[in-house]
Amino acid sequence: MGQTIQADRSRLKQVIENLLKNAVEHGGDNVTVSFGDLENGFYVADDGSGIPEEDRERIFEAGYSTDSEGTGYGLQIVKEIATAHGWNVRVTESDVGGARFEITGVEFIGE
């Protein structure tokens, strides 16, 4: 990522950690995760199995998980932090068929 994001450092760290943890838990130990810039934000994408379109809105609900051992709070926390910063978060399919989380509405330092 080539820009500096205006955000609460610990909360931004939690967003990244939760998205990475989600990728590893659902994509396996050999999953590849990539980060990139968007015009008004950034994305975190993986090459795992992806998220079915019908589940994409539900994954941000508290307690929702497709993993029987998961708490279902990691992505809800991501959404909560994004909302508190005035950002939007959505999930789509990555270029290689995995999950891609796009965080937009981000303010960059120096803009």
PDB file of N, CA and C in Angstrom:
ATOM      1  N   MET A   1       0.852  -1.169   0.000  1.00  0.00           N
ATOM      2  CA  MET A   1       0.000   0.000   0.000  1.00  0.00           C
ATOM      3  C   MET A   1       0.898   1.231   0.000  1.00  0.00           C
ATOM      4  N   GLY A   2       0.596   2.138  -0.865  1.00  0.00           N
ATOM      5  CA  GLY A   2       1.479   3.259  -1.044  1.00  0.00           C
ATOM      6  C   GLY A   2       1.078   4.533  -0.343  1.00  0.00           C
ATOM      7  N   GLN A   3       0.007   4.530   0.451  1.00  0.00           N
ATOM      8  CA  GLN A   3      -0.439   5.748   1.088  1.00  0.00           C
ATOM      9  C   GLN A   3      -0.609   5.520   2.590  1.00  0.00           C
ATOM     10  N   THR A   4      -0.672   6.615   3.330  1.00  0.00           N
ATOM     11  CA  THR A   4      -0.867   6.545   4.774  1.00  0.00           C
ATOM     12  C   THR A   4      -2.331   6.820   5.085  1.00  0.00           C
ATOM     13  N   ILE A   5      -2.941   5.930   5.824  1.00  0.00           N
ATOM     14  CA  ILE A   5      -4.361   6.020   6.149  1.00  0.00           C
ATOM     15  C   ILE A   5      -4.569   6.799   7.439  1.00  0.00           C
ATOM     16  N   GLN A   6      -5.548   7.701   7.424  1.00  0.00           N
ATOM     17  CA  GLN A   6      -5.945   8.423   8.624  1.00  0.00           C
ATOM     18  C   GLN A   6      -6.896   7.521   9.398  1.00  0.00           C
ATOM     19  N   ALA A   7      -6.438   6.976  10.527  1.00  0.00           N
ATOM     20  CA  ALA A   7      -7.257   6.044  11.302  1.00  0.00           C
ATOM     21  C   ALA A   7      -6.679   5.870  12.694  1.00  0.00           C
ATOM     22  N   ASP A   8      -7.492   5.348  13.588  1.00  0.00           N
ATOM     23  CA  ASP A   8      -7.003   4.916  14.894  1.00  0.00           C
ATOM     24  C   ASP A   8      -6.106   3.703  14.654  1.00  0.00           C
ATOM     25  N   ARG A   9      -4.846   3.816  15.029  1.00  0.00           N
ATOM     26  CA  ARG A   9      -3.849   2.791  14.716  1.00  0.00           C
ATOM     27  C   ARG A   9      -4.246   1.409  15.242  1.00  0.00           C
ATOM     28  N   SER A  10      -4.669   1.315  16.480  1.00  0.00           N
ATOM     29  CA  SER A  10      -4.992  -0.002  17.052  1.00  0.00           C
ATOM     30  C   SER A  10      -6.224  -0.611  16.395  1.00  0.00           C
ATOM     31  N   ARG A  11      -7.178   0.219  16.025  1.00  0.00           N
ATOM     32  CA  ARG A  11      -8.388  -0.297  15.378  1.00  0.00           C
ATOM     33  C   ARG A  11      -8.098  -0.730  13.942  1.00  0.00           C
ATOM     34  N   LEU A  12      -7.270   0.024  13.227  1.00  0.00           N
ATOM     35  CA  LEU A  12      -6.870  -0.374  11.878  1.00  0.00           C
ATOM     36  C   LEU A  12      -6.105  -1.696  11.939  1.00  0.00           C
ATOM     37  N   LYS A  13      -5.230  -1.821  12.916  1.00  0.00           N
ATOM     38  CA  LYS A  13      -4.486  -3.069  13.105  1.00  0.00           C
ATOM     39  C   LYS A  13      -5.451  -4.233  13.331  1.00  0.00           C
ATOM     40  N   GLN A  14      -6.501  -3.988  14.112  1.00  0.00           N
ATOM     41  CA  GLN A  14      -7.487  -5.033  14.368  1.00  0.00           C
ATOM     42  C   GLN A  14      -8.231  -5.434  13.098  1.00  0.00           C
ATOM     43  N   VAL A  15      -8.547  -4.479  12.241  1.00  0.00           N
ATOM     44  CA  VAL A  15      -9.193  -4.779  10.956  1.00  0.00           C
ATOM     45  C   VAL A  15      -8.310  -5.719  10.139  1.00  0.00           C
ATOM     46  N   ILE A  16      -7.032  -5.351   9.997  1.00  0.00           N
ATOM     47  CA  ILE A  16      -6.098  -6.163   9.207  1.00  0.00           C
ATOM     48  C   ILE A  16      -5.931  -7.545   9.829  1.00  0.00           C
ATOM     49  N   GLU A  17      -5.743  -7.607  11.141  1.00  0.00           N
ATOM     50  CA  GLU A  17      -5.589  -8.898  11.818  1.00  0.00           C
ATOM     51  C   GLU A  17      -6.821  -9.784  11.628  1.00  0.00           C
ATOM     52  N   ASN A  18      -7.999  -9.219  11.768  1.00  0.00           N
ATOM     53  CA  ASN A  18      -9.228 -10.008  11.624  1.00  0.00           C
ATOM     54  C   ASN A  18      -9.393 -10.523  10.199  1.00  0.00           C
ATOM     55  N   LEU A  19      -9.057  -9.702   9.209  1.00  0.00           N
ATOM     56  CA  LEU A  19      -9.169 -10.147   7.828  1.00  0.00           C
ATOM     57  C   LEU A  19      -8.131 -11.231   7.515  1.00  0.00           C
ATOM     58  N   LEU A  20      -6.926 -11.089   8.036  1.00  0.00           N
ATOM     59  CA  LEU A  20      -5.900 -12.122   7.846  1.00  0.00           C
ATOM     60  C   LEU A  20      -6.306 -13.428   8.530  1.00  0.00           C
ATOM     61  N   LYS A  21      -6.783 -13.322   9.763  1.00  0.00           N
ATOM     62  CA  LYS A  21      -7.209 -14.505  10.505  1.00  0.00           C
ATOM     63  C   LYS A  21      -8.344 -15.212   9.774  1.00  0.00           C
ATOM     64  N   ASN A  22      -9.273 -14.449   9.253  1.00  0.00           N
ATOM     65  CA  ASN A  22     -10.393 -15.015   8.510  1.00  0.00           C
ATOM     66  C   ASN A  22      -9.890 -15.767   7.276  1.00  0.00           C
ATOM     67  N   ALA A  23      -8.942 -15.175   6.566  1.00  0.00           N
ATOM     68  CA  ALA A  23      -8.393 -15.816   5.363  1.00  0.00           C
ATOM     69  C   ALA A  23      -7.723 -17.142   5.705  1.00  0.00           C
ATOM     70  N   VAL A  24      -6.938 -17.160   6.778  1.00  0.00           N
ATOM     71  CA  VAL A  24      -6.234 -18.387   7.165  1.00  0.00           C
ATOM     72  C   VAL A  24      -7.209 -19.444   7.676  1.00  0.00           C
ATOM     73  N   GLU A  25      -8.164 -19.035   8.492  1.00  0.00           N
ATOM     74  CA  GLU A  25      -9.120 -20.002   9.044  1.00  0.00           C
ATOM     75  C   GLU A  25      -9.987 -20.634   7.969  1.00  0.00           C
ATOM     76  N   HIS A  26     -10.342 -19.869   6.955  1.00  0.00           N
ATOM     77  CA  HIS A  26     -11.241 -20.382   5.922  1.00  0.00           C
ATOM     78  C   HIS A  26     -10.518 -20.793   4.645  1.00  0.00           C
ATOM     79  N   GLY A  27      -9.277 -20.324   4.464  1.00  0.00           N
ATOM     80  CA  GLY A  27      -8.537 -20.633   3.245  1.00  0.00           C
ATOM     81  C   GLY A  27      -7.441 -21.661   3.438  1.00  0.00           C
ATOM     82  N   GLY A  28      -7.149 -21.983   4.680  1.00  0.00           N
ATOM     83  CA  GLY A  28      -6.129 -22.983   4.952  1.00  0.00           C
ATOM     84  C   GLY A  28      -4.740 -22.398   5.113  1.00  0.00           C
ATOM     85  N   ASP A  29      -3.816 -23.255   5.529  1.00  0.00           N
ATOM     86  CA  ASP A  29      -2.450 -22.830   5.822  1.00  0.00           C
ATOM     87  C   ASP A  29      -1.688 -22.341   4.593  1.00  0.00           C
ATOM     88  N   ASN A  30      -2.079 -22.762   3.419  1.00  0.00           N
ATOM     89  CA  ASN A  30      -1.365 -22.377   2.202  1.00  0.00           C
ATOM     90  C   ASN A  30      -2.028 -21.231   1.458  1.00  0.00           C
ATOM     91  N   VAL A  31      -2.956 -20.564   2.091  1.00  0.00           N
ATOM     92  CA  VAL A  31      -3.652 -19.458   1.447  1.00  0.00           C
ATOM     93  C   VAL A  31      -2.680 -18.292   1.227  1.00  0.00           C
ATOM     94  N   THR A  32      -2.860 -17.607   0.113  1.00  0.00           N
ATOM     95  CA  THR A  32      -2.077 -16.406  -0.183  1.00  0.00           C
ATOM     96  C   THR A  32      -2.997 -15.204  -0.016  1.00  0.00           C
ATOM     97  N   VAL A  33      -2.518 -14.215   0.729  1.00  0.00           N
ATOM     98  CA  VAL A  33      -3.291 -13.004   0.980  1.00  0.00           C
ATOM     99  C   VAL A  33      -2.544 -11.837   0.348  1.00  0.00           C
ATOM    100  N   SER A  34      -3.286 -10.982  -0.332  1.00  0.00           N
ATOM    101  CA  SER A  34      -2.683  -9.803  -0.940  1.00  0.00           C
ATOM    102  C   SER A  34      -3.428  -8.549  -0.501  1.00  0.00           C
ATOM    103  N   PHE A  35      -2.710  -7.448  -0.518  1.00  0.00           N
ATOM    104  CA  PHE A  35      -3.252  -6.144  -0.168  1.00  0.00           C
ATOM    105  C   PHE A  35      -3.043  -5.229  -1.360  1.00  0.00           C
ATOM    106  N   GLY A  36      -3.929  -4.266  -1.508  1.00  0.00           N
ATOM    107  CA  GLY A  36      -3.756  -3.329  -2.602  1.00  0.00           C
ATOM    108  C   GLY A  36      -4.516  -2.046  -2.370  1.00  0.00           C
ATOM    109  N   ASP A  37      -4.152  -1.042  -3.136  1.00  0.00           N
ATOM    110  CA  ASP A  37      -4.798   0.264  -3.070  1.00  0.00           C
ATOM    111  C   ASP A  37      -6.037   0.289  -3.950  1.00  0.00           C
ATOM    112  N   LEU A  38      -7.025   0.998  -3.489  1.00  0.00           N
ATOM    113  CA  LEU A  38      -8.181   1.381  -4.292  1.00  0.00           C
ATOM    114  C   LEU A  38      -8.165   2.897  -4.375  1.00  0.00           C
ATOM    115  N   GLU A  39      -8.914   3.458  -5.284  1.00  0.00           N
ATOM    116  CA  GLU A  39      -8.922   4.912  -5.446  1.00  0.00           C
ATOM    117  C   GLU A  39      -9.224   5.619  -4.135  1.00  0.00           C
ATOM    118  N   ASN A  40     -10.161   5.084  -3.370  1.00  0.00           N
ATOM    119  CA  ASN A  40     -10.545   5.718  -2.109  1.00  0.00           C
ATOM    120  C   ASN A  40     -10.487   4.737  -0.940  1.00  0.00           C
ATOM    121  N   GLY A  41      -9.501   3.824  -0.983  1.00  0.00           N
ATOM    122  CA  GLY A  41      -9.369   2.867   0.093  1.00  0.00           C
ATOM    123  C   GLY A  41      -8.345   1.798  -0.205  1.00  0.00           C
ATOM    124  N   PHE A  42      -8.631   0.589   0.265  1.00  0.00           N
ATOM    125  CA  PHE A  42      -7.717  -0.522   0.078  1.00  0.00           C
ATOM    126  C   PHE A  42      -8.499  -1.828   0.085  1.00  0.00           C
ATOM    127  N   TYR A  43      -7.848  -2.894  -0.323  1.00  0.00           N
ATOM    128  CA  TYR A  43      -8.492  -4.198  -0.283  1.00  0.00           C
ATOM    129  C   TYR A  43      -7.554  -5.235   0.319  1.00  0.00           C
ATOM    130  N   VAL A  44      -8.165  -6.289   0.830  1.00  0.00           N
ATOM    131  CA  VAL A  44      -7.463  -7.468   1.307  1.00  0.00           C
ATOM    132  C   VAL A  44      -8.122  -8.639   0.585  1.00  0.00           C
ATOM    133  N   ALA A  45      -7.328  -9.385  -0.176  1.00  0.00           N
ATOM    134  CA  ALA A  45      -7.880 -10.476  -0.988  1.00  0.00           C
ATOM    135  C   ALA A  45      -7.099 -11.757  -0.714  1.00  0.00           C
ATOM    136  N   ASP A  46      -7.752 -12.889  -0.950  1.00  0.00           N
ATOM    137  CA  ASP A  46      -7.069 -14.168  -0.777  1.00  0.00           C
ATOM    138  C   ASP A  46      -7.410 -15.098  -1.927  1.00  0.00           C
ATOM    139  N   ASP A  47      -6.718 -16.229  -1.959  1.00  0.00           N
ATOM    140  CA  ASP A  47      -6.952 -17.214  -3.010  1.00  0.00           C
ATOM    141  C   ASP A  47      -7.638 -18.463  -2.459  1.00  0.00           C
ATOM    142  N   GLY A  48      -8.371 -18.287  -1.367  1.00  0.00           N
ATOM    143  CA  GLY A  48      -9.108 -19.397  -0.768  1.00  0.00           C
ATOM    144  C   GLY A  48     -10.343 -19.750  -1.580  1.00  0.00           C
ATOM    145  N   SER A  49     -11.291 -20.377  -0.912  1.00  0.00           N
ATOM    146  CA  SER A  49     -12.489 -20.863  -1.596  1.00  0.00           C
ATOM    147  C   SER A  49     -13.540 -19.777  -1.838  1.00  0.00           C
ATOM    148  N   GLY A  50     -13.339 -18.603  -1.276  1.00  0.00           N
ATOM    149  CA  GLY A  50     -14.282 -17.509  -1.486  1.00  0.00           C
ATOM    150  C   GLY A  50     -15.496 -17.593  -0.592  1.00  0.00           C
ATOM    151  N   ILE A  51     -16.391 -16.642  -0.770  1.00  0.00           N
ATOM    152  CA  ILE A  51     -17.624 -16.564   0.012  1.00  0.00           C
ATOM    153  C   ILE A  51     -18.783 -16.562  -0.964  1.00  0.00           C
ATOM    154  N   PRO A  52     -19.681 -17.532  -0.845  1.00  0.00           N
ATOM    155  CA  PRO A  52     -20.827 -17.567  -1.756  1.00  0.00           C
ATOM    156  C   PRO A  52     -21.597 -16.245  -1.726  1.00  0.00           C
ATOM    157  N   GLU A  53     -22.064 -15.836  -2.886  1.00  0.00           N
ATOM    158  CA  GLU A  53     -22.760 -14.551  -3.005  1.00  0.00           C
ATOM    159  C   GLU A  53     -23.928 -14.423  -2.025  1.00  0.00           C
ATOM    160  N   GLU A  54     -24.635 -15.518  -1.796  1.00  0.00           N
ATOM    161  CA  GLU A  54     -25.798 -15.463  -0.898  1.00  0.00           C
ATOM    162  C   GLU A  54     -25.415 -15.263   0.569  1.00  0.00           C
ATOM    163  N   ASP A  55     -24.145 -15.471   0.917  1.00  0.00           N
ATOM    164  CA  ASP A  55     -23.680 -15.291   2.301  1.00  0.00           C
ATOM    165  C   ASP A  55     -22.971 -13.962   2.522  1.00  0.00           C
ATOM    166  N   ARG A  56     -22.731 -13.203   1.492  1.00  0.00           N
ATOM    167  CA  ARG A  56     -21.866 -12.027   1.593  1.00  0.00           C
ATOM    168  C   ARG A  56     -22.386 -10.934   2.512  1.00  0.00           C
ATOM    169  N   GLU A  57     -23.652 -10.742   2.618  1.00  0.00           N
ATOM    170  CA  GLU A  57     -24.179  -9.741   3.553  1.00  0.00           C
ATOM    171  C   GLU A  57     -24.221 -10.293   4.975  1.00  0.00           C
ATOM    172  N   ARG A  58     -24.523 -11.557   5.107  1.00  0.00           N
ATOM    173  CA  ARG A  58     -24.665 -12.183   6.428  1.00  0.00           C
ATOM    174  C   ARG A  58     -23.351 -12.304   7.177  1.00  0.00           C
ATOM    175  N   ILE A  59     -22.225 -12.373   6.465  1.00  0.00           N
ATOM    176  CA  ILE A  59     -20.954 -12.594   7.145  1.00  0.00           C
ATOM    177  C   ILE A  59     -20.588 -11.467   8.105  1.00  0.00           C
ATOM    178  N   PHE A  60     -21.211 -10.315   7.955  1.00  0.00           N
ATOM    179  CA  PHE A  60     -20.934  -9.192   8.844  1.00  0.00           C
ATOM    180  C   PHE A  60     -21.861  -9.168  10.056  1.00  0.00           C
ATOM    181  N   GLU A  61     -22.792 -10.110  10.145  1.00  0.00           N
ATOM    182  CA  GLU A  61     -23.704 -10.177  11.282  1.00  0.00           C
ATOM    183  C   GLU A  61     -23.007 -10.814  12.479  1.00  0.00           C
ATOM    184  N   ALA A  62     -23.260 -10.261  13.654  1.00  0.00           N
ATOM    185  CA  ALA A  62     -22.674 -10.797  14.883  1.00  0.00           C
ATOM    186  C   ALA A  62     -23.100 -12.248  15.070  1.00  0.00           C
ATOM    187  N   GLY A  63     -22.123 -13.115  15.297  1.00  0.00           N
ATOM    188  CA  GLY A  63     -22.394 -14.522  15.565  1.00  0.00           C
ATOM    189  C   GLY A  63     -22.504 -15.411  14.346  1.00  0.00           C
ATOM    190  N   TYR A  64     -22.487 -14.842  13.149  1.00  0.00           N
ATOM    191  CA  TYR A  64     -22.605 -15.662  11.945  1.00  0.00           C
ATOM    192  C   TYR A  64     -21.242 -16.217  11.561  1.00  0.00           C
ATOM    193  N   SER A  65     -21.155 -17.527  11.385  1.00  0.00           N
ATOM    194  CA  SER A  65     -19.912 -18.165  10.969  1.00  0.00           C
ATOM    195  C   SER A  65     -20.233 -19.426  10.191  1.00  0.00           C
ATOM    196  N   THR A  66     -19.423 -19.707   9.204  1.00  0.00           N
ATOM    197  CA  THR A  66     -19.569 -20.961   8.467  1.00  0.00           C
ATOM    198  C   THR A  66     -18.670 -22.035   9.072  1.00  0.00           C
ATOM    199  N   ASP A  67     -17.883 -21.663  10.077  1.00  0.00           N
ATOM    200  CA  ASP A  67     -16.983 -22.584  10.767  1.00  0.00           C
ATOM    201  C   ASP A  67     -17.613 -22.948  12.111  1.00  0.00           C
ATOM    202  N   SER A  68     -17.808 -24.235  12.349  1.00  0.00           N
ATOM    203  CA  SER A  68     -18.460 -24.667  13.585  1.00  0.00           C
ATOM    204  C   SER A  68     -17.694 -24.249  14.838  1.00  0.00           C
ATOM    205  N   GLU A  69     -16.403 -23.976  14.707  1.00  0.00           N
ATOM    206  CA  GLU A  69     -15.611 -23.552  15.852  1.00  0.00           C
ATOM    207  C   GLU A  69     -15.399 -22.038  15.897  1.00  0.00           C
ATOM    208  N   GLY A  70     -15.886 -21.336  14.894  1.00  0.00           N
ATOM    209  CA  GLY A  70     -15.714 -19.886  14.839  1.00  0.00           C
ATOM    210  C   GLY A  70     -16.725 -19.166  15.711  1.00  0.00           C
ATOM    211  N   THR A  71     -16.352 -17.977  16.177  1.00  0.00           N
ATOM    212  CA  THR A  71     -17.254 -17.189  17.020  1.00  0.00           C
ATOM    213  C   THR A  71     -18.221 -16.349  16.198  1.00  0.00           C
ATOM    214  N   GLY A  72     -17.838 -16.021  14.960  1.00  0.00           N
ATOM    215  CA  GLY A  72     -18.691 -15.195  14.127  1.00  0.00           C
ATOM    216  C   GLY A  72     -18.615 -13.715  14.465  1.00  0.00           C
ATOM    217  N   TYR A  73     -17.558 -13.312  15.163  1.00  0.00           N
ATOM    218  CA  TYR A  73     -17.446 -11.901  15.538  1.00  0.00           C
ATOM    219  C   TYR A  73     -16.336 -11.158  14.808  1.00  0.00           C
ATOM    220  N   GLY A  74     -15.403 -11.851  14.179  1.00  0.00           N
ATOM    221  CA  GLY A  74     -14.278 -11.196  13.522  1.00  0.00           C
ATOM    222  C   GLY A  74     -14.690 -10.227  12.441  1.00  0.00           C
ATOM    223  N   LEU A  75     -15.555 -10.653  11.534  1.00  0.00           N
ATOM    224  CA  LEU A  75     -15.972  -9.771  10.441  1.00  0.00           C
ATOM    225  C   LEU A  75     -16.980  -8.728  10.905  1.00  0.00           C
ATOM    226  N   GLN A  76     -17.745  -9.049  11.926  1.00  0.00           N
ATOM    227  CA  GLN A  76     -18.653  -8.058  12.502  1.00  0.00           C
ATOM    228  C   GLN A  76     -17.844  -6.916  13.111  1.00  0.00           C
ATOM    229  N   ILE A  77     -16.722  -7.251  13.730  1.00  0.00           N
ATOM    230  CA  ILE A  77     -15.836  -6.229  14.294  1.00  0.00           C
ATOM    231  C   ILE A  77     -15.223  -5.389  13.180  1.00  0.00           C
ATOM    232  N   VAL A  78     -14.835  -6.016  12.076  1.00  0.00           N
ATOM    233  CA  VAL A  78     -14.314  -5.278  10.924  1.00  0.00           C
ATOM    234  C   VAL A  78     -15.342  -4.254  10.458  1.00  0.00           C
ATOM    235  N   LYS A  79     -16.578  -4.683  10.322  1.00  0.00           N
ATOM    236  CA  LYS A  79     -17.660  -3.784   9.876  1.00  0.00           C
ATOM    237  C   LYS A  79     -17.865  -2.647  10.875  1.00  0.00           C
ATOM    238  N   GLU A  80     -17.843  -2.988  12.160  1.00  0.00           N
ATOM    239  CA  GLU A  80     -18.038  -1.991  13.216  1.00  0.00           C
ATOM    240  C   GLU A  80     -16.938  -0.925  13.185  1.00  0.00           C
ATOM    241  N   ILE A  81     -15.695  -1.356  13.048  1.00  0.00           N
ATOM    242  CA  ILE A  81     -14.569  -0.418  12.993  1.00  0.00           C
ATOM    243  C   ILE A  81     -14.660   0.445  11.738  1.00  0.00           C
ATOM    244  N   ALA A  82     -14.972  -0.174  10.611  1.00  0.00           N
ATOM    245  CA  ALA A  82     -15.114   0.584   9.364  1.00  0.00           C
ATOM    246  C   ALA A  82     -16.193   1.653   9.507  1.00  0.00           C
ATOM    247  N   THR A  83     -17.322   1.274  10.027  1.00  0.00           N
ATOM    248  CA  THR A  83     -18.429   2.214  10.206  1.00  0.00           C
ATOM    249  C   THR A  83     -18.038   3.360  11.132  1.00  0.00           C
ATOM    250  N   ALA A  84     -17.338   3.046  12.223  1.00  0.00           N
ATOM    251  CA  ALA A  84     -16.915   4.075  13.176  1.00  0.00           C
ATOM    252  C   ALA A  84     -15.965   5.088  12.530  1.00  0.00           C
ATOM    253  N   HIS A  85     -15.214   4.666  11.518  1.00  0.00           N
ATOM    254  CA  HIS A  85     -14.299   5.560  10.809  1.00  0.00           C
ATOM    255  C   HIS A  85     -14.967   6.256   9.619  1.00  0.00           C
ATOM    256  N   GLY A  86     -16.227   5.931   9.359  1.00  0.00           N
ATOM    257  CA  GLY A  86     -16.917   6.511   8.213  1.00  0.00           C
ATOM    258  C   GLY A  86     -16.598   5.798   6.913  1.00  0.00           C
ATOM    259  N   TRP A  87     -16.079   4.575   7.018  1.00  0.00           N
ATOM    260  CA  TRP A  87     -15.723   3.779   5.848  1.00  0.00           C
ATOM    261  C   TRP A  87     -16.849   2.828   5.495  1.00  0.00           C
ATOM    262  N   ASN A  88     -16.765   2.281   4.304  1.00  0.00           N
ATOM    263  CA  ASN A  88     -17.661   1.223   3.855  1.00  0.00           C
ATOM    264  C   ASN A  88     -16.830  -0.039   3.676  1.00  0.00           C
ATOM    265  N   VAL A  89     -17.434  -1.183   3.955  1.00  0.00           N
ATOM    266  CA  VAL A  89     -16.744  -2.448   3.728  1.00  0.00           C
ATOM    267  C   VAL A  89     -17.698  -3.369   2.981  1.00  0.00           C
ATOM    268  N   ARG A  90     -17.153  -4.041   1.998  1.00  0.00           N
ATOM    269  CA  ARG A  90     -17.946  -5.015   1.258  1.00  0.00           C
ATOM    270  C   ARG A  90     -17.052  -6.175   0.889  1.00  0.00           C
ATOM    271  N   VAL A  91     -17.675  -7.296   0.642  1.00  0.00           N
ATOM    272  CA  VAL A  91     -16.934  -8.473   0.219  1.00  0.00           C
ATOM    273  C   VAL A  91     -17.373  -8.840  -1.183  1.00  0.00           C
ATOM    274  N   THR A  92     -16.432  -9.260  -1.971  1.00  0.00           N
ATOM    275  CA  THR A  92     -16.678  -9.690  -3.326  1.00  0.00           C
ATOM    276  C   THR A  92     -15.723 -10.841  -3.618  1.00  0.00           C
ATOM    277  N   GLU A  93     -15.627 -11.231  -4.858  1.00  0.00           N
ATOM    278  CA  GLU A  93     -14.726 -12.315  -5.238  1.00  0.00           C
ATOM    279  C   GLU A  93     -13.388 -11.740  -5.693  1.00  0.00           C
ATOM    280  N   SER A  94     -12.304 -12.344  -5.245  1.00  0.00           N
ATOM    281  CA  SER A  94     -10.982 -11.903  -5.690  1.00  0.00           C
ATOM    282  C   SER A  94     -10.753 -12.339  -7.135  1.00  0.00           C
ATOM    283  N   ASP A  95      -9.705 -11.829  -7.728  1.00  0.00           N
ATOM    284  CA  ASP A  95      -9.377 -12.162  -9.114  1.00  0.00           C
ATOM    285  C   ASP A  95      -9.132 -13.654  -9.318  1.00  0.00           C
ATOM    286  N   VAL A  96      -8.779 -14.362  -8.245  1.00  0.00           N
ATOM    287  CA  VAL A  96      -8.481 -15.799  -8.350  1.00  0.00           C
ATOM    288  C   VAL A  96      -9.550 -16.664  -7.682  1.00  0.00           C
ATOM    289  N   GLY A  97     -10.720 -16.072  -7.389  1.00  0.00           N
ATOM    290  CA  GLY A  97     -11.849 -16.837  -6.878  1.00  0.00           C
ATOM    291  C   GLY A  97     -11.998 -16.890  -5.370  1.00  0.00           C
ATOM    292  N   GLY A  98     -11.077 -16.287  -4.647  1.00  0.00           N
ATOM    293  CA  GLY A  98     -11.182 -16.244  -3.190  1.00  0.00           C
ATOM    294  C   GLY A  98     -12.042 -15.068  -2.750  1.00  0.00           C
ATOM    295  N   ALA A  99     -11.861 -14.662  -1.508  1.00  0.00           N
ATOM    296  CA  ALA A  99     -12.595 -13.522  -0.959  1.00  0.00           C
ATOM    297  C   ALA A  99     -11.783 -12.245  -1.143  1.00  0.00           C
ATOM    298  N   ARG A 100     -12.484 -11.157  -1.370  1.00  0.00           N
ATOM    299  CA  ARG A 100     -11.847  -9.845  -1.473  1.00  0.00           C
ATOM    300  C   ARG A 100     -12.685  -8.865  -0.662  1.00  0.00           C
ATOM    301  N   PHE A 101     -12.066  -8.300   0.362  1.00  0.00           N
ATOM    302  CA  PHE A 101     -12.719  -7.309   1.206  1.00  0.00           C
ATOM    303  C   PHE A 101     -12.225  -5.938   0.781  1.00  0.00           C
ATOM    304  N   GLU A 102     -13.173  -5.074   0.429  1.00  0.00           N
ATOM    305  CA  GLU A 102     -12.840  -3.723  -0.026  1.00  0.00           C
ATOM    306  C   GLU A 102     -13.294  -2.723   1.026  1.00  0.00           C
ATOM    307  N   ILE A 103     -12.348  -1.923   1.500  1.00  0.00           N
ATOM    308  CA  ILE A 103     -12.627  -0.868   2.471  1.00  0.00           C
ATOM    309  C   ILE A 103     -12.520   0.439   1.708  1.00  0.00           C
ATOM    310  N   THR A 104     -13.615   1.192   1.630  1.00  0.00           N
ATOM    311  CA  THR A 104     -13.625   2.438   0.859  1.00  0.00           C
ATOM    312  C   THR A 104     -14.122   3.590   1.733  1.00  0.00           C
ATOM    313  N   GLY A 105     -13.951   4.801   1.216  1.00  0.00           N
ATOM    314  CA  GLY A 105     -14.303   5.992   1.976  1.00  0.00           C
ATOM    315  C   GLY A 105     -13.200   6.382   2.943  1.00  0.00           C
ATOM    316  N   VAL A 106     -12.007   5.850   2.711  1.00  0.00           N
ATOM    317  CA  VAL A 106     -10.860   6.050   3.577  1.00  0.00           C
ATOM    318  C   VAL A 106     -10.247   7.426   3.307  1.00  0.00           C
ATOM    319  N   GLU A 107      -9.839   8.082   4.379  1.00  0.00           N
ATOM    320  CA  GLU A 107      -9.131   9.349   4.245  1.00  0.00           C
ATOM    321  C   GLU A 107      -7.633   9.075   4.355  1.00  0.00           C
ATOM    322  N   PHE A 108      -6.902   9.561   3.385  1.00  0.00           N
ATOM    323  CA  PHE A 108      -5.451   9.385   3.378  1.00  0.00           C
ATOM    324  C   PHE A 108      -4.783  10.651   3.891  1.00  0.00           C
ATOM    325  N   ILE A 109      -3.713  10.497   4.641  1.00  0.00           N
ATOM    326  CA  ILE A 109      -2.950  11.636   5.129  1.00  0.00           C
ATOM    327  C   ILE A 109      -2.229  12.261   3.947  1.00  0.00           C
ATOM    328  N   GLY A 110      -2.312  13.573   3.863  1.00  0.00           N
ATOM    329  CA  GLY A 110      -1.641  14.279   2.773  1.00  0.00           C
ATOM    330  C   GLY A 110      -2.554  14.568   1.608  1.00  0.00           C
ATOM    331  N   GLU A 111      -3.820  14.151   1.701  1.00  0.00           N
ATOM    332  CA  GLU A 111      -4.757  14.435   0.594  1.00  0.00           C
ATOM    333  C   GLU A 111      -5.261  15.843   0.697  1.00  0.00           C
TER     334      GLU A 111
END
